[in-house]
Amino acid sequence: MAENWTSALLPIITLVLGAVLTFLAESIRHRTERRERLQDALTARRADAATAFIDAAHESAHLLGRMTPGCPNPLPLDEDKYWLIDSAVAARLNDLALVASSPSLAAARALHGALQGFRASVMSGITYGSNEYWSAYAPVRAARTAFIDASRADIVG
């Protein structure tokens, strides 16, 4: 009789144990997939924010350069364009602050500061293409490269 008891109970215990183990395995797989989806979404958001920031920084520097006296293809002086650094670039910097890593955000802030310095030099009356112009622009170029490198590390991993 005891043998009948174990022969009936063993399949039930095996079935319950199998169901519990299957549930645990599926739960772990689901959490892993969810974590990966969230990481992929964050990576995509970082890429979008970094691209928008670098585009705004590029446009701002480009317009400042074209408004500099002596530019071969000048734009008319437009006070609003002087403030793109404080509007478009700063707005993209705020977006970036939500998703970027600390090194990437620090590099973005350095680029923002370099653009402000370049704007001050342009507003002081430097001549396009002069040594002073390229000296004022060099920190922008270096900060842009550092930001791209830091962002690439965020995105690629």
Protein backbone atom coordinates (compact mmCIF):
# COMPACT_ATOMS: atom_id res chain seq x y z
CA MET A 1 0.00 0.00 0.00
CA ALA A 2 2.85 2.34 0.77
CA GLU A 3 4.20 1.56 -2.65
CA ASN A 4 0.93 2.72 -4.23
CA TRP A 5 1.12 5.94 -2.26
CA THR A 6 4.59 6.86 -3.53
CA SER A 7 3.82 5.79 -7.07
CA ALA A 8 0.81 8.15 -7.07
CA LEU A 9 2.49 11.00 -5.19
CA LEU A 10 5.77 11.07 -7.13
CA PRO A 11 4.22 12.14 -10.47
CA ILE A 12 2.20 14.86 -8.71
CA ILE A 13 5.28 16.21 -6.92
CA THR A 14 7.25 16.09 -10.18
CA LEU A 15 4.46 17.92 -12.00
CA VAL A 16 4.23 20.66 -9.34
CA LEU A 17 8.00 21.00 -9.17
CA GLY A 18 8.21 21.25 -12.96
CA ALA A 19 5.51 23.93 -13.03
CA VAL A 20 7.25 25.96 -10.33
CA LEU A 21 10.63 25.71 -12.09
CA THR A 22 9.04 26.66 -15.43
CA PHE A 23 7.38 29.65 -13.80
CA LEU A 24 10.67 30.78 -12.25
CA ALA A 25 12.55 30.36 -15.52
CA GLU A 26 9.91 32.32 -17.46
CA SER A 27 9.90 35.03 -14.81
CA ILE A 28 13.68 35.42 -15.04
CA ARG A 29 13.52 35.43 -18.85
CA HIS A 30 10.77 38.07 -18.81
CA ARG A 31 12.72 40.33 -16.42
CA THR A 32 15.87 39.95 -18.52
CA GLU A 33 14.03 40.81 -21.73
CA ARG A 34 12.35 43.80 -20.08
CA ARG A 35 15.69 45.07 -18.77
CA GLU A 36 17.20 44.71 -22.24
CA ARG A 37 14.24 46.56 -23.84
CA LEU A 38 14.61 49.40 -21.34
CA GLN A 39 18.35 49.57 -21.98
CA ASP A 40 17.76 49.63 -25.74
CA ALA A 41 15.21 52.43 -25.33
CA LEU A 42 17.63 54.42 -23.16
CA THR A 43 20.39 53.94 -25.72
CA ALA A 44 18.11 55.16 -28.51
CA ARG A 45 17.06 58.17 -26.40
CA ARG A 46 20.71 58.96 -25.64
CA ALA A 47 21.55 58.82 -29.34
CA ASP A 48 18.65 61.13 -30.21
CA ALA A 49 19.51 63.63 -27.46
CA ALA A 50 23.22 63.63 -28.36
CA THR A 51 22.43 64.13 -32.04
CA ALA A 52 20.05 67.01 -31.33
CA PHE A 53 22.62 68.65 -29.03
CA ILE A 54 25.51 68.33 -31.47
CA ASP A 55 23.31 69.61 -34.32
CA ALA A 56 22.30 72.68 -32.28
CA ALA A 57 25.91 73.31 -31.26
CA HIS A 58 27.08 72.99 -34.87
CA GLU A 59 24.41 75.36 -36.15
CA SER A 60 25.20 77.89 -33.45
CA ALA A 61 28.96 77.84 -34.14
CA HIS A 62 28.39 77.92 -37.88
CA LEU A 63 26.09 80.94 -37.71
CA LEU A 64 28.43 82.76 -35.34
CA GLY A 65 31.30 82.16 -37.75
CA ARG A 66 29.31 83.40 -40.71
CA MET A 67 28.40 86.61 -38.86
CA THR A 68 32.07 87.32 -38.12
CA PRO A 69 33.52 90.25 -40.05
CA GLY A 70 35.60 89.03 -42.97
CA CYS A 71 33.63 85.83 -43.59
CA PRO A 72 33.72 85.07 -47.34
CA ASN A 73 30.03 84.08 -47.29
CA PRO A 74 28.64 86.33 -44.56
CA LEU A 75 25.25 86.39 -42.96
CA PRO A 76 23.76 89.70 -41.90
CA LEU A 77 24.17 90.49 -38.23
CA ASP A 78 21.22 89.02 -36.40
CA GLU A 79 21.09 89.44 -32.64
CA ASP A 80 18.79 86.41 -32.31
CA LYS A 81 21.46 84.13 -33.76
CA TYR A 82 23.93 85.29 -31.13
CA TRP A 83 21.61 83.80 -28.52
CA LEU A 84 21.11 80.36 -30.09
CA ILE A 85 23.62 79.10 -27.54
CA ASP A 86 21.27 80.19 -24.77
CA SER A 87 18.12 78.94 -26.49
CA ALA A 88 18.57 75.97 -28.82
CA VAL A 89 21.86 74.63 -27.44
CA ALA A 90 20.82 75.09 -23.80
CA ALA A 91 17.47 73.39 -24.47
CA ARG A 92 19.19 70.38 -26.04
CA LEU A 93 21.62 70.34 -23.10
CA ASN A 94 18.67 70.09 -20.71
CA ASP A 95 17.26 67.18 -22.70
CA LEU A 96 20.63 65.49 -22.63
CA ALA A 97 20.86 65.93 -18.85
CA LEU A 98 17.93 63.53 -18.49
CA VAL A 99 19.56 60.57 -20.23
CA ALA A 100 23.32 61.03 -20.63
CA SER A 101 26.01 59.57 -18.43
CA SER A 102 28.02 61.91 -16.22
CA PRO A 103 31.06 61.98 -18.56
CA SER A 104 28.88 62.72 -21.59
CA LEU A 105 26.98 65.43 -19.74
CA ALA A 106 30.24 67.01 -18.52
CA ALA A 107 31.52 67.03 -22.11
CA ALA A 108 28.27 68.64 -23.29
CA ARG A 109 28.55 71.33 -20.64
CA ALA A 110 32.15 71.98 -21.70
CA LEU A 111 31.02 72.38 -25.32
CA HIS A 112 28.28 74.76 -24.22
CA GLY A 113 30.88 76.82 -22.34
CA ALA A 114 33.27 76.79 -25.31
CA LEU A 115 30.47 78.09 -27.54
CA GLN A 116 29.83 80.91 -25.09
CA GLY A 117 33.52 81.83 -25.21
CA PHE A 118 33.49 81.72 -29.01
CA ARG A 119 30.43 83.97 -29.07
CA ALA A 120 32.17 86.48 -26.80
CA SER A 121 35.16 86.51 -29.16
CA VAL A 122 32.95 86.97 -32.21
CA MET A 123 31.08 89.79 -30.52
CA SER A 124 34.39 91.48 -29.65
CA GLY A 125 35.05 92.01 -33.35
CA ILE A 126 37.63 89.39 -34.31
CA THR A 127 38.15 88.85 -38.05
CA TYR A 128 37.13 85.62 -39.71
CA GLY A 129 40.08 83.39 -40.55
CA SER A 130 42.53 85.34 -38.39
CA ASN A 131 44.76 83.71 -35.79
CA GLU A 132 42.48 85.16 -33.10
CA TYR A 133 39.46 83.59 -34.79
CA TRP A 134 41.02 80.14 -34.95
CA SER A 135 42.27 80.46 -31.37
CA ALA A 136 38.75 81.32 -30.25
CA TYR A 137 37.29 78.45 -32.27
CA ALA A 138 39.83 75.79 -31.16
CA PRO A 139 38.14 75.14 -27.77
CA VAL A 140 34.83 74.57 -29.59
CA ARG A 141 36.45 72.02 -31.89
CA ALA A 142 38.16 70.23 -28.98
CA ALA A 143 35.01 70.23 -26.83
CA ARG A 144 32.93 68.93 -29.76
CA THR A 145 35.35 66.04 -30.28
CA ALA A 146 35.32 65.22 -26.55
CA PHE A 147 31.52 65.28 -26.50
CA ILE A 148 31.26 63.00 -29.53
CA ASP A 149 33.70 60.54 -27.95
CA ALA A 150 31.82 60.54 -24.63
CA SER A 151 28.47 60.16 -26.37
CA ARG A 152 29.75 57.31 -28.49
CA ALA A 153 30.82 55.55 -25.29
CA ASP A 154 27.29 56.05 -23.91
CA ILE A 155 25.65 54.70 -27.02
CA VAL A 156 27.99 51.87 -28.01
CA GLY A 157 28.73 50.89 -24.47
